[in-house]
């Protein structure tokens, strides 16, 4: 199964069991900028989980568990509960427990994932510590977190707007939009492109 090649080696057996137990229909698709994965139910009753191709095996595993939790919530409650409500959080925590091992995750990610699971957000990108820990194991993307830029460096946001990193205000960065001189605040884990590289 192609999906297995995107997973940490020591997670493959348990994921295989999860797939077989719940008869999961999992498909790996090309990268989508707006989401890392999703779960859908079709009019004929069939269910499908799609996951972005991701060279970061640890993020791929967490995304998979996130989406499987959506399917299990749907099968238990239908559309009667919130997508990321207490039912989803409970199931996400439960199915993640067997994977909370140093043989699967590097310690930095494992610690952040454990904290995240105490009250999981709708996306790992909304959890600063976890997203930053995961980013250290990214290998193929041209995008990187604004946190890695030097002050005064230019960057592209959403592939179109040019900004200059100015200063830090508490946890966020103050950046100037070149086209109008206005200042904007960015979270440290905002994904951007190096403007100088994009000009080449």
N, C-alpha and C. Protein backbone atom coordinates (compact mmCIF):
# COMPACT_ATOMS: atom_id res chain seq x y z
N UNK A 1 0.84 -1.20 0.00
CA UNK A 1 0.00 0.00 0.00
C UNK A 1 0.88 1.25 0.00
N UNK A 2 0.64 2.16 -0.96
CA UNK A 2 1.45 3.38 -1.10
C UNK A 2 1.44 4.20 0.18
N UNK A 3 0.30 4.26 0.83
CA UNK A 3 0.15 5.06 2.04
C UNK A 3 1.22 4.73 3.08
N UNK A 4 1.58 3.47 3.20
CA UNK A 4 2.53 3.04 4.23
C UNK A 4 3.90 3.68 4.06
N UNK A 5 4.26 4.04 2.84
CA UNK A 5 5.58 4.63 2.60
C UNK A 5 5.70 6.03 3.19
N UNK A 6 4.57 6.64 3.56
CA UNK A 6 4.58 7.98 4.14
C UNK A 6 4.60 7.96 5.67
N UNK A 7 4.61 6.77 6.25
CA UNK A 7 4.51 6.64 7.70
C UNK A 7 5.84 6.28 8.35
N UNK A 8 6.04 6.64 9.62
CA UNK A 8 7.20 6.14 10.36
C UNK A 8 7.15 4.61 10.40
N UNK A 9 8.28 3.97 10.28
CA UNK A 9 8.33 2.51 10.18
C UNK A 9 7.60 1.81 11.32
N UNK A 10 7.81 2.28 12.53
CA UNK A 10 7.24 1.59 13.70
C UNK A 10 5.75 1.87 13.92
N UNK A 11 5.16 2.68 13.04
CA UNK A 11 3.72 2.95 13.15
C UNK A 11 2.92 2.13 12.15
N UNK A 12 3.59 1.51 11.20
CA UNK A 12 2.89 0.88 10.08
C UNK A 12 1.98 -0.27 10.50
N UNK A 13 2.44 -1.10 11.42
CA UNK A 13 1.63 -2.27 11.81
C UNK A 13 0.33 -1.84 12.48
N UNK A 14 0.43 -0.89 13.42
CA UNK A 14 -0.78 -0.44 14.13
C UNK A 14 -1.73 0.31 13.20
N UNK A 15 -1.18 1.06 12.25
CA UNK A 15 -2.03 1.76 11.28
C UNK A 15 -2.73 0.73 10.39
N UNK A 16 -2.01 -0.31 10.00
CA UNK A 16 -2.62 -1.37 9.21
C UNK A 16 -3.79 -2.01 9.95
N UNK A 17 -3.61 -2.24 11.24
CA UNK A 17 -4.69 -2.82 12.06
C UNK A 17 -5.88 -1.87 12.13
N UNK A 18 -5.59 -0.57 12.26
CA UNK A 18 -6.65 0.44 12.33
C UNK A 18 -7.45 0.48 11.03
N UNK A 19 -6.74 0.40 9.91
CA UNK A 19 -7.38 0.41 8.60
C UNK A 19 -8.30 -0.80 8.43
N UNK A 20 -7.79 -1.97 8.81
CA UNK A 20 -8.57 -3.20 8.66
C UNK A 20 -9.77 -3.24 9.61
N UNK A 21 -9.55 -2.80 10.84
CA UNK A 21 -10.62 -2.84 11.84
C UNK A 21 -11.81 -1.97 11.45
N UNK A 22 -11.52 -0.79 10.91
CA UNK A 22 -12.59 0.16 10.61
C UNK A 22 -12.89 0.27 9.11
N UNK A 23 -12.25 -0.62 8.32
CA UNK A 23 -12.48 -0.65 6.87
C UNK A 23 -12.34 0.75 6.26
N UNK A 24 -11.19 1.35 6.53
CA UNK A 24 -10.95 2.73 6.10
C UNK A 24 -10.57 2.80 4.63
N UNK A 25 -11.12 3.78 3.95
CA UNK A 25 -10.77 4.06 2.56
C UNK A 25 -9.87 5.29 2.55
N UNK A 26 -8.55 5.05 2.52
CA UNK A 26 -7.56 6.13 2.63
C UNK A 26 -6.86 6.33 1.29
N UNK A 27 -6.80 7.58 0.84
CA UNK A 27 -6.17 7.90 -0.44
C UNK A 27 -5.18 9.04 -0.25
N UNK A 28 -3.98 8.87 -0.79
CA UNK A 28 -2.96 9.92 -0.74
C UNK A 28 -3.06 10.75 -2.01
N UNK A 29 -3.13 12.08 -1.85
CA UNK A 29 -3.32 12.98 -2.99
C UNK A 29 -2.20 14.02 -3.03
N UNK A 30 -2.14 14.76 -4.13
CA UNK A 30 -1.15 15.83 -4.26
C UNK A 30 -1.41 16.90 -3.21
N UNK A 31 -0.37 17.64 -2.89
CA UNK A 31 -0.47 18.63 -1.82
C UNK A 31 -1.53 19.68 -2.11
N UNK A 32 -2.32 19.99 -1.09
CA UNK A 32 -3.31 21.07 -1.15
C UNK A 32 -2.90 22.12 -0.14
N UNK A 33 -2.89 23.38 -0.55
CA UNK A 33 -2.41 24.44 0.33
C UNK A 33 -3.37 24.76 1.46
N UNK A 34 -4.66 24.47 1.25
CA UNK A 34 -5.67 24.86 2.24
C UNK A 34 -5.93 23.81 3.31
N UNK A 35 -5.47 22.58 3.09
CA UNK A 35 -5.71 21.53 4.08
C UNK A 35 -4.72 20.39 3.88
N UNK A 36 -4.46 19.67 4.96
CA UNK A 36 -3.53 18.54 4.91
C UNK A 36 -4.27 17.22 4.72
N UNK A 37 -5.56 17.22 5.04
CA UNK A 37 -6.36 16.01 4.89
C UNK A 37 -7.83 16.33 5.08
N UNK A 38 -8.69 15.39 4.68
CA UNK A 38 -10.10 15.58 4.98
C UNK A 38 -10.85 14.24 4.96
N UNK A 39 -12.03 14.28 5.56
CA UNK A 39 -12.92 13.12 5.60
C UNK A 39 -14.24 13.53 4.98
N UNK A 40 -14.74 12.68 4.07
CA UNK A 40 -16.00 12.99 3.40
C UNK A 40 -16.93 11.78 3.37
N UNK A 41 -18.22 12.09 3.42
CA UNK A 41 -19.26 11.07 3.27
C UNK A 41 -20.06 11.44 2.02
N UNK A 42 -20.25 10.48 1.13
CA UNK A 42 -20.94 10.74 -0.13
C UNK A 42 -22.41 10.32 -0.04
N UNK A 43 -23.19 10.77 -1.02
CA UNK A 43 -24.64 10.53 -1.01
C UNK A 43 -25.00 9.05 -1.01
N UNK A 44 -24.11 8.21 -1.54
CA UNK A 44 -24.38 6.76 -1.56
C UNK A 44 -23.95 6.07 -0.26
N UNK A 45 -23.48 6.88 0.70
CA UNK A 45 -23.09 6.34 1.99
C UNK A 45 -21.62 5.96 2.11
N UNK A 46 -20.90 6.00 1.00
CA UNK A 46 -19.47 5.66 1.05
C UNK A 46 -18.68 6.76 1.75
N UNK A 47 -17.57 6.36 2.35
CA UNK A 47 -16.74 7.30 3.11
C UNK A 47 -15.31 7.26 2.56
N UNK A 48 -14.66 8.42 2.59
CA UNK A 48 -13.29 8.49 2.07
C UNK A 48 -12.47 9.50 2.86
N UNK A 49 -11.23 9.11 3.16
CA UNK A 49 -10.27 10.01 3.78
C UNK A 49 -9.17 10.28 2.77
N UNK A 50 -8.89 11.56 2.52
CA UNK A 50 -7.76 11.90 1.65
C UNK A 50 -6.69 12.60 2.48
N UNK A 51 -5.44 12.28 2.16
CA UNK A 51 -4.29 12.83 2.88
C UNK A 51 -3.28 13.37 1.88
N UNK A 52 -2.76 14.55 2.16
CA UNK A 52 -1.73 15.12 1.29
C UNK A 52 -0.45 14.30 1.35
N UNK A 53 0.21 14.18 0.21
CA UNK A 53 1.57 13.63 0.21
C UNK A 53 2.42 14.53 1.10
N UNK A 54 3.22 13.94 1.97
CA UNK A 54 4.02 14.73 2.89
C UNK A 54 5.31 13.99 3.19
N UNK A 55 6.44 14.63 2.91
CA UNK A 55 7.73 13.99 3.19
C UNK A 55 8.00 13.92 4.69
N UNK A 56 7.24 14.68 5.46
CA UNK A 56 7.36 14.65 6.92
C UNK A 56 6.45 13.53 7.45
N UNK A 57 7.04 12.39 7.74
CA UNK A 57 6.26 11.22 8.13
C UNK A 57 5.51 11.42 9.45
N UNK A 58 6.06 12.25 10.31
CA UNK A 58 5.43 12.45 11.62
C UNK A 58 4.17 13.31 11.48
N UNK A 59 4.21 14.33 10.63
CA UNK A 59 3.02 15.13 10.38
C UNK A 59 1.96 14.30 9.65
N UNK A 60 2.40 13.47 8.72
CA UNK A 60 1.47 12.62 7.98
C UNK A 60 0.72 11.70 8.93
N UNK A 61 1.42 11.12 9.88
CA UNK A 61 0.79 10.21 10.85
C UNK A 61 -0.24 10.96 11.70
N UNK A 62 0.12 12.13 12.18
CA UNK A 62 -0.81 12.90 13.02
C UNK A 62 -2.04 13.31 12.22
N UNK A 63 -1.83 13.72 10.96
CA UNK A 63 -2.96 14.08 10.10
C UNK A 63 -3.87 12.88 9.87
N UNK A 64 -3.27 11.72 9.64
CA UNK A 64 -4.05 10.51 9.43
C UNK A 64 -4.93 10.21 10.66
N UNK A 65 -4.34 10.28 11.84
CA UNK A 65 -5.10 10.02 13.07
C UNK A 65 -6.22 11.05 13.25
N UNK A 66 -5.93 12.29 12.90
CA UNK A 66 -6.92 13.37 12.96
C UNK A 66 -8.14 13.02 12.10
N UNK A 67 -7.88 12.62 10.85
CA UNK A 67 -8.97 12.35 9.91
C UNK A 67 -9.71 11.05 10.23
N UNK A 68 -8.98 10.04 10.68
CA UNK A 68 -9.64 8.79 11.09
C UNK A 68 -10.60 9.08 12.24
N UNK A 69 -10.21 9.97 13.13
CA UNK A 69 -11.08 10.34 14.26
C UNK A 69 -12.38 10.93 13.76
N UNK A 70 -12.32 11.72 12.69
CA UNK A 70 -13.55 12.28 12.10
C UNK A 70 -14.47 11.16 11.62
N UNK A 71 -13.90 10.16 10.98
CA UNK A 71 -14.74 9.06 10.49
C UNK A 71 -15.37 8.30 11.65
N UNK A 72 -14.60 8.04 12.69
CA UNK A 72 -15.13 7.29 13.83
C UNK A 72 -16.22 8.08 14.56
N UNK A 73 -16.05 9.40 14.62
CA UNK A 73 -17.09 10.24 15.23
C UNK A 73 -18.36 10.19 14.38
N UNK A 74 -18.20 10.27 13.07
CA UNK A 74 -19.37 10.21 12.19
C UNK A 74 -20.11 8.89 12.34
N UNK A 75 -19.36 7.80 12.41
CA UNK A 75 -19.99 6.48 12.52
C UNK A 75 -20.71 6.31 13.85
N UNK A 76 -20.24 7.01 14.87
CA UNK A 76 -20.87 6.90 16.20
C UNK A 76 -22.02 7.89 16.40
N UNK A 77 -21.88 9.09 15.82
CA UNK A 77 -22.84 10.16 16.12
C UNK A 77 -23.50 10.79 14.89
N UNK A 78 -23.08 10.40 13.69
CA UNK A 78 -23.60 11.05 12.50
C UNK A 78 -23.17 12.50 12.46
N UNK A 79 -24.07 13.37 12.00
CA UNK A 79 -23.78 14.80 11.92
C UNK A 79 -24.33 15.58 13.12
N UNK A 80 -24.57 14.87 14.21
CA UNK A 80 -25.23 15.49 15.36
C UNK A 80 -24.27 16.23 16.30
N UNK A 81 -22.96 16.10 16.06
CA UNK A 81 -21.99 16.73 16.96
C UNK A 81 -21.05 17.65 16.17
N UNK A 82 -20.36 18.51 16.88
CA UNK A 82 -19.42 19.45 16.26
C UNK A 82 -18.23 18.70 15.67
N UNK A 83 -17.73 19.13 14.50
CA UNK A 83 -16.61 18.44 13.85
C UNK A 83 -15.38 18.28 14.74
N UNK A 84 -15.09 19.29 15.55
CA UNK A 84 -13.93 19.23 16.44
C UNK A 84 -14.35 19.40 17.90
N UNK A 85 -15.50 18.83 18.21
CA UNK A 85 -16.04 18.93 19.56
C UNK A 85 -15.45 17.90 20.51
N UNK A 86 -16.09 17.75 21.67
CA UNK A 86 -15.54 16.88 22.71
C UNK A 86 -15.50 15.41 22.27
N UNK A 87 -16.44 15.00 21.42
CA UNK A 87 -16.45 13.61 20.95
C UNK A 87 -15.23 13.34 20.08
N UNK A 88 -14.95 14.28 19.17
CA UNK A 88 -13.78 14.12 18.30
C UNK A 88 -12.49 14.15 19.11
N UNK A 89 -12.40 15.06 20.07
CA UNK A 89 -11.20 15.17 20.89
C UNK A 89 -10.95 13.89 21.68
N UNK A 90 -12.02 13.32 22.21
CA UNK A 90 -11.89 12.09 22.99
C UNK A 90 -11.39 10.93 22.13
N UNK A 91 -11.98 10.78 20.94
CA UNK A 91 -11.58 9.69 20.05
C UNK A 91 -10.16 9.91 19.53
N UNK A 92 -9.82 11.14 19.19
CA UNK A 92 -8.47 11.46 18.71
C UNK A 92 -7.44 11.07 19.77
N UNK A 93 -7.72 11.42 21.03
CA UNK A 93 -6.81 11.06 22.12
C UNK A 93 -6.66 9.54 22.23
N UNK A 94 -7.79 8.84 22.16
CA UNK A 94 -7.78 7.39 22.35
C UNK A 94 -7.01 6.67 21.26
N UNK A 95 -7.26 7.01 20.00
CA UNK A 95 -6.58 6.27 18.93
C UNK A 95 -5.12 6.70 18.78
N UNK A 96 -4.75 7.84 19.37
CA UNK A 96 -3.36 8.30 19.29
C UNK A 96 -2.47 7.64 20.35
N UNK A 97 -3.07 7.15 21.43
CA UNK A 97 -2.29 6.60 22.55
C UNK A 97 -1.27 5.55 22.15
N UNK A 98 -1.62 4.57 21.29
CA UNK A 98 -0.64 3.54 20.93
C UNK A 98 0.57 4.07 20.18
N UNK A 99 0.47 5.30 19.67
CA UNK A 99 1.55 5.87 18.86
C UNK A 99 2.43 6.85 19.64
N UNK A 100 2.12 7.06 20.91
CA UNK A 100 2.88 8.00 21.73
C UNK A 100 4.13 7.31 22.27
N UNK A 101 5.03 7.00 21.36
CA UNK A 101 6.23 6.25 21.69
C UNK A 101 7.46 6.90 21.07
N UNK A 102 8.59 6.83 21.77
CA UNK A 102 9.84 7.37 21.23
C UNK A 102 10.34 6.55 20.04
N UNK A 103 9.85 5.34 19.90
CA UNK A 103 10.23 4.53 18.75
C UNK A 103 9.49 4.97 17.48
N UNK A 104 8.50 5.85 17.65
CA UNK A 104 7.74 6.37 16.51
C UNK A 104 8.04 7.84 16.27
N UNK A 105 7.96 8.65 17.32
CA UNK A 105 8.20 10.09 17.20
C UNK A 105 9.51 10.50 17.86
N UNK A 106 10.22 11.47 17.26
CA UNK A 106 11.35 12.08 17.98
C UNK A 106 10.83 12.72 19.26
N UNK A 107 11.65 12.78 20.28
CA UNK A 107 11.21 13.25 21.58
C UNK A 107 10.61 14.65 21.54
N UNK A 108 11.19 15.54 20.72
CA UNK A 108 10.68 16.92 20.65
C UNK A 108 9.24 16.96 20.15
N UNK A 109 8.93 16.12 19.15
CA UNK A 109 7.56 16.06 18.64
C UNK A 109 6.66 15.33 19.62
N UNK A 110 7.17 14.27 20.20
CA UNK A 110 6.37 13.47 21.13
C UNK A 110 5.89 14.32 22.30
N UNK A 111 6.78 15.11 22.88
CA UNK A 111 6.39 15.97 24.01
C UNK A 111 5.33 16.98 23.59
N UNK A 112 5.53 17.60 22.42
CA UNK A 112 4.57 18.60 21.93
C UNK A 112 3.23 17.97 21.58
N UNK A 113 3.27 16.76 21.02
CA UNK A 113 2.04 16.06 20.64
C UNK A 113 1.24 15.67 21.89
N UNK A 114 1.93 15.24 22.93
CA UNK A 114 1.24 14.89 24.18
C UNK A 114 0.52 16.10 24.77
N UNK A 115 1.18 17.24 24.76
CA UNK A 115 0.56 18.47 25.27
C UNK A 115 -0.63 18.85 24.40
N UNK A 116 -0.45 18.79 23.09
CA UNK A 116 -1.51 19.12 22.14
C UNK A 116 -2.76 18.26 22.37
N UNK A 117 -2.55 16.98 22.65
CA UNK A 117 -3.68 16.05 22.80
C UNK A 117 -4.51 16.30 24.06
N UNK A 118 -4.00 17.09 24.98
CA UNK A 118 -4.79 17.41 26.17
C UNK A 118 -6.05 18.18 25.79
N UNK A 119 -5.94 18.99 24.74
CA UNK A 119 -7.10 19.73 24.22
C UNK A 119 -6.82 20.06 22.76
N UNK A 120 -6.89 19.05 21.88
CA UNK A 120 -6.48 19.25 20.48
C UNK A 120 -7.28 20.30 19.74
N UNK A 121 -6.56 21.13 19.00
CA UNK A 121 -7.19 22.15 18.16
C UNK A 121 -7.61 21.52 16.83
N UNK A 122 -8.34 22.29 16.03
CA UNK A 122 -8.85 21.77 14.76
C UNK A 122 -7.75 21.52 13.74
N UNK A 123 -6.56 22.09 13.98
CA UNK A 123 -5.42 21.87 13.08
C UNK A 123 -4.14 21.93 13.90
N UNK A 124 -3.18 21.08 13.55
CA UNK A 124 -1.88 21.15 14.24
C UNK A 124 -1.19 22.47 13.96
N UNK A 125 -1.52 23.11 12.83
CA UNK A 125 -0.91 24.39 12.50
C UNK A 125 -1.31 25.49 13.48
N UNK A 126 -2.40 25.27 14.22
CA UNK A 126 -2.85 26.25 15.20
C UNK A 126 -2.15 26.09 16.54
N UNK A 127 -1.38 25.02 16.67
CA UNK A 127 -0.62 24.78 17.89
C UNK A 127 0.84 25.12 17.61
N UNK A 128 1.30 26.22 18.18
CA UNK A 128 2.63 26.74 17.85
C UNK A 128 3.74 25.74 18.15
N UNK A 129 3.73 25.16 19.34
CA UNK A 129 4.81 24.26 19.74
C UNK A 129 4.87 23.01 18.86
N UNK A 130 3.71 22.43 18.59
CA UNK A 130 3.69 21.22 17.77
C UNK A 130 4.08 21.51 16.33
N UNK A 131 3.54 22.58 15.76
CA UNK A 131 3.86 22.89 14.37
C UNK A 131 5.34 23.22 14.19
N UNK A 132 5.93 23.92 15.17
CA UNK A 132 7.34 24.26 15.09
C UNK A 132 8.21 23.00 15.25
N UNK A 133 7.79 22.10 16.12
CA UNK A 133 8.53 20.85 16.32
C UNK A 133 8.49 20.00 15.05
N UNK A 134 7.33 19.94 14.42
CA UNK A 134 7.19 19.17 13.19
C UNK A 134 8.00 19.77 12.05
N UNK A 135 8.08 21.10 12.01
CA UNK A 135 8.76 21.77 10.89
C UNK A 135 10.24 21.42 10.82
N UNK A 136 10.83 21.03 11.94
CA UNK A 136 12.26 20.68 11.96
C UNK A 136 12.55 19.43 11.13
N UNK A 137 11.50 18.69 10.79
CA UNK A 137 11.68 17.46 10.03
C UNK A 137 11.12 17.57 8.61
N UNK A 138 10.80 18.80 8.19
CA UNK A 138 10.39 19.03 6.80
C UNK A 138 11.62 18.97 5.91
N UNK A 139 11.46 18.38 4.73
CA UNK A 139 12.62 18.24 3.84
C UNK A 139 12.42 18.79 2.44
N UNK A 140 11.21 18.74 1.91
CA UNK A 140 11.06 19.02 0.49
C UNK A 140 10.34 20.32 0.14
N UNK A 141 9.69 20.94 1.08
CA UNK A 141 8.89 22.12 0.77
C UNK A 141 9.76 23.36 0.59
N UNK A 142 9.35 24.24 -0.33
CA UNK A 142 10.02 25.53 -0.51
C UNK A 142 9.58 26.52 0.56
N UNK A 143 8.50 26.19 1.25
CA UNK A 143 7.99 27.07 2.30
C UNK A 143 8.75 26.83 3.61
N UNK A 144 8.80 27.87 4.42
CA UNK A 144 9.39 27.73 5.75
C UNK A 144 8.70 28.74 6.67
N UNK A 145 8.91 28.57 7.96
CA UNK A 145 8.25 29.45 8.91
C UNK A 145 8.95 30.80 8.98
N UNK A 146 8.16 31.84 9.13
CA UNK A 146 8.68 33.20 9.20
C UNK A 146 9.67 33.35 10.36
N UNK A 147 9.53 32.51 11.34
CA UNK A 147 10.41 32.52 12.50
C UNK A 147 11.88 32.34 12.10
N UNK A 148 12.12 31.69 10.96
CA UNK A 148 13.49 31.39 10.53
C UNK A 148 14.15 32.54 9.77
N UNK A 149 13.37 33.57 9.43
CA UNK A 149 13.92 34.72 8.71
C UNK A 149 14.65 35.68 9.64
N UNK A 150 15.66 36.35 9.11
CA UNK A 150 16.35 37.40 9.85
C UNK A 150 15.53 38.69 9.78
N UNK A 151 15.71 39.57 10.76
CA UNK A 151 15.06 40.87 10.72
C UNK A 151 15.57 41.63 9.49
N UNK A 152 14.66 42.29 8.80
CA UNK A 152 15.03 43.05 7.61
C UNK A 152 14.94 42.25 6.33
N UNK A 153 14.71 40.94 6.45
CA UNK A 153 14.64 40.09 5.26
C UNK A 153 13.25 40.17 4.63
N UNK A 154 13.22 40.08 3.30
CA UNK A 154 11.96 40.13 2.56
C UNK A 154 11.42 38.71 2.33
N UNK A 155 10.09 38.60 2.27
CA UNK A 155 9.48 37.30 2.01
C UNK A 155 8.18 37.47 1.24
N UNK A 156 7.76 36.38 0.63
CA UNK A 156 6.48 36.34 -0.08
C UNK A 156 5.45 35.63 0.77
N UNK A 157 4.28 36.23 0.89
CA UNK A 157 3.18 35.61 1.63
C UNK A 157 2.07 35.28 0.64
N UNK A 158 1.64 34.03 0.65
CA UNK A 158 0.62 33.53 -0.28
C UNK A 158 1.04 33.74 -1.74
N UNK A 159 2.35 33.69 -1.97
CA UNK A 159 2.94 33.74 -3.32
C UNK A 159 2.69 35.05 -4.07
N UNK A 160 2.20 36.08 -3.38
CA UNK A 160 1.91 37.31 -4.14
C UNK A 160 2.33 38.58 -3.43
N UNK A 161 2.18 38.66 -2.11
CA UNK A 161 2.47 39.89 -1.39
C UNK A 161 3.87 39.86 -0.80
N UNK A 162 4.63 40.94 -1.03
CA UNK A 162 6.00 41.04 -0.53
C UNK A 162 5.99 41.79 0.81
N UNK A 163 6.64 41.20 1.80
CA UNK A 163 6.73 41.81 3.13
C UNK A 163 8.19 41.88 3.57
N UNK A 164 8.43 42.76 4.52
CA UNK A 164 9.74 42.87 5.15
C UNK A 164 9.57 42.63 6.65
N UNK A 165 10.35 41.71 7.18
CA UNK A 165 10.28 41.40 8.61
C UNK A 165 10.96 42.53 9.39
N UNK A 166 10.21 43.17 10.29
CA UNK A 166 10.70 44.38 10.96
C UNK A 166 11.15 44.13 12.40
N UNK A 167 10.26 43.55 13.21
CA UNK A 167 10.57 43.39 14.63
C UNK A 167 9.68 42.31 15.24
N UNK A 168 9.88 42.07 16.52
CA UNK A 168 9.06 41.08 17.23
C UNK A 168 8.25 41.79 18.30
N UNK A 169 6.96 41.46 18.37
CA UNK A 169 6.06 42.02 19.38
C UNK A 169 5.45 40.87 20.15
N UNK A 170 5.97 40.64 21.35
CA UNK A 170 5.61 39.46 22.14
C UNK A 170 5.95 38.21 21.34
N UNK A 171 4.94 37.41 20.99
CA UNK A 171 5.22 36.17 20.27
C UNK A 171 5.14 36.33 18.75
N UNK A 172 4.58 37.45 18.29
CA UNK A 172 4.36 37.62 16.85
C UNK A 172 5.38 38.58 16.24
N UNK A 173 5.45 38.54 14.90
CA UNK A 173 6.40 39.38 14.18
C UNK A 173 5.68 40.52 13.46
N UNK A 174 6.25 41.71 13.58
CA UNK A 174 5.74 42.89 12.88
C UNK A 174 6.42 42.93 11.51
N UNK A 175 5.60 42.97 10.45
CA UNK A 175 6.13 42.96 9.09
C UNK A 175 5.48 44.06 8.27
N UNK A 176 6.27 44.67 7.41
CA UNK A 176 5.78 45.76 6.56
C UNK A 176 5.45 45.23 5.17
N UNK A 177 4.24 45.54 4.72
CA UNK A 177 3.85 45.19 3.36
C UNK A 177 4.44 46.22 2.41
N UNK A 178 5.27 45.77 1.49
CA UNK A 178 6.04 46.67 0.64
C UNK A 178 5.15 47.54 -0.24
N UNK A 179 4.04 47.01 -0.71
CA UNK A 179 3.19 47.74 -1.66
C UNK A 179 2.49 48.96 -1.06
N UNK A 180 2.24 48.93 0.27
CA UNK A 180 1.52 50.07 0.86
C UNK A 180 2.13 50.60 2.17
N UNK A 181 3.19 49.95 2.65
CA UNK A 181 3.87 50.43 3.85
C UNK A 181 3.15 50.11 5.15
N UNK A 182 2.03 49.40 5.08
CA UNK A 182 1.27 49.07 6.30
C UNK A 182 1.95 47.94 7.06
N UNK A 183 1.75 47.94 8.38
CA UNK A 183 2.34 46.92 9.24
C UNK A 183 1.32 45.84 9.59
N UNK A 184 1.78 44.60 9.60
CA UNK A 184 0.93 43.46 9.90
C UNK A 184 1.64 42.56 10.90
N UNK A 185 0.84 41.82 11.68
CA UNK A 185 1.40 40.88 12.65
C UNK A 185 1.27 39.45 12.12
N UNK A 186 2.35 38.68 12.24
CA UNK A 186 2.36 37.29 11.78
C UNK A 186 2.75 36.36 12.93
N UNK A 187 2.07 35.23 13.00
CA UNK A 187 2.46 34.19 13.96
C UNK A 187 3.80 33.59 13.54
N UNK A 188 4.61 33.11 14.49
CA UNK A 188 5.93 32.54 14.15
C UNK A 188 5.87 31.36 13.20
N UNK A 189 4.74 30.64 13.19
CA UNK A 189 4.64 29.46 12.32
C UNK A 189 3.89 29.75 11.02
N UNK A 190 3.85 31.02 10.61
CA UNK A 190 3.28 31.37 9.31
C UNK A 190 4.23 30.90 8.20
N UNK A 191 3.70 30.19 7.22
CA UNK A 191 4.52 29.69 6.12
C UNK A 191 4.71 30.76 5.05
N UNK A 192 5.96 30.98 4.67
CA UNK A 192 6.29 32.00 3.68
C UNK A 192 7.35 31.47 2.71
N UNK A 193 7.61 32.25 1.67
CA UNK A 193 8.66 31.93 0.70
C UNK A 193 9.73 33.01 0.75
N UNK A 194 10.98 32.61 0.53
CA UNK A 194 12.08 33.57 0.47
C UNK A 194 11.95 34.39 -0.81
N UNK A 195 11.76 35.70 -0.68
CA UNK A 195 11.54 36.56 -1.85
C UNK A 195 12.74 36.55 -2.78
N UNK A 196 13.94 36.56 -2.24
CA UNK A 196 15.15 36.58 -3.07
C UNK A 196 15.27 35.33 -3.93
N UNK A 197 14.91 34.18 -3.36
CA UNK A 197 14.97 32.93 -4.13
C UNK A 197 13.91 32.91 -5.22
N UNK A 198 12.73 33.46 -4.93
CA UNK A 198 11.64 33.44 -5.90
C UNK A 198 11.91 34.35 -7.09
N UNK A 199 12.76 35.37 -6.91
CA UNK A 199 13.06 36.30 -8.00
C UNK A 199 13.97 35.66 -9.05
N UNK A 200 14.71 34.62 -8.66
CA UNK A 200 15.69 34.02 -9.57
C UNK A 200 15.03 33.22 -10.68
